[in-house]
Protein backbone atom coordinates (compact mmCIF):
# COMPACT_ATOMS: atom_id res chain seq x y z
CA MET A 1 88.11 52.43 44.14
CA ASN A 2 91.77 53.28 44.55
CA GLU A 3 92.49 55.30 41.49
CA ALA A 4 96.21 54.48 41.65
CA VAL A 5 95.33 50.83 40.85
CA LEU A 6 94.03 51.76 37.41
CA THR A 7 96.80 51.72 35.15
CA SER A 8 96.72 53.36 31.64
CA LEU A 9 96.46 49.97 30.10
CA THR A 10 93.41 49.32 32.12
CA MET A 11 91.94 52.55 31.03
CA GLU A 12 92.91 51.59 27.44
CA PHE A 13 91.17 48.33 27.73
CA LEU A 14 88.01 50.34 29.29
CA GLU A 15 88.08 52.75 26.33
CA TRP A 16 88.32 49.74 23.76
CA ALA A 17 85.56 47.86 25.47
CA SER A 18 83.29 50.76 25.58
CA SER A 19 83.74 51.95 22.08
CA ALA A 20 81.52 49.10 20.61
CA GLN A 21 79.66 46.12 21.53
CA ARG A 22 81.95 43.40 22.24
CA THR A 23 81.39 39.85 22.66
CA TYR A 24 83.14 37.66 25.20
CA GLU A 25 85.14 35.83 22.20
CA GLN A 26 86.08 39.28 20.82
CA VAL A 27 87.52 40.36 24.20
CA MET A 28 89.21 37.09 24.88
CA ALA A 29 90.85 37.16 21.46
CA ALA A 30 92.19 40.57 22.07
CA TRP A 31 92.85 40.76 25.70
CA ARG A 32 93.43 37.27 27.35
CA SER A 33 97.11 36.69 28.28
CA SER A 34 98.62 33.76 30.10
CA CYS A 35 101.35 36.27 31.25
CA PRO A 36 101.13 37.06 35.03
CA ARG A 37 102.28 40.57 34.29
CA TYR A 38 99.55 41.25 31.91
CA THR A 39 96.27 40.68 33.79
CA ILE A 40 94.12 43.50 32.40
CA TRP A 41 91.10 41.35 31.75
CA GLU A 42 91.19 39.64 35.02
CA ASP A 43 92.05 43.02 36.88
CA ALA A 44 88.90 44.89 35.49
CA LEU A 45 86.72 41.81 36.15
CA ALA A 46 87.97 41.27 39.81
CA MET A 47 87.69 45.35 40.34
CA GLY A 48 84.05 45.23 39.04
CA LEU A 49 84.73 47.47 36.03
CA ILE A 50 83.13 45.07 33.58
CA GLU A 51 80.69 42.19 33.44
CA VAL A 52 79.97 39.53 31.13
CA ILE A 53 76.23 39.30 30.14
CA ASP A 54 74.22 36.60 28.89
CA ARG A 55 71.32 38.06 27.52
CA ASP A 56 70.11 35.38 25.07
CA LYS A 57 71.17 31.75 24.92
CA ASP A 58 70.99 32.22 21.03
CA ALA A 59 73.31 35.16 21.07
CA PRO A 60 77.07 35.41 22.14
CA SER A 61 77.67 36.52 25.66
CA ARG A 62 78.59 40.42 25.71
CA VAL A 63 81.10 42.28 27.73
CA CYS A 64 80.06 45.65 29.14
CA LEU A 65 81.29 48.23 31.51
CA THR A 66 79.59 48.29 34.95
CA GLN A 67 78.50 51.43 36.55
CA GLU A 68 81.80 51.73 38.33
CA GLY A 69 83.73 51.01 35.05
CA ASN A 70 81.90 53.80 33.37
CA ALA A 71 82.55 56.06 36.11
CA ALA A 72 86.31 55.35 36.13
CA LEU A 73 86.55 55.77 32.62
CA GLN A 74 84.68 59.25 32.79
CA ARG A 75 87.13 60.36 35.50
CA TYR A 76 90.16 59.12 33.38
CA ARG A 77 88.83 61.04 30.44
CA GLU A 78 88.29 64.22 32.32
CA MET A 79 91.83 64.27 33.64
CA LYS A 80 93.28 63.69 30.27
CA ILE A 81 91.41 67.05 29.29
CA SER A 82 92.76 68.90 32.30
């Protein structure tokens, strides 16, 4: 993945999404936008950083970081410490 594509706002989204279990509805309420300049949710999904998981039909869908999303977030955290 091209690290230059990962903006600080994308990293903020990944930090937020990973800080607690989030439902799809919670993520959409906080991060959905109709503004073409504010596409954090769509970008993270298209880059394979997050996924929507339907674990159970009786429970709400969850948004989770993918393995690539977790790796990108870890690299970002390490850069902040250095």
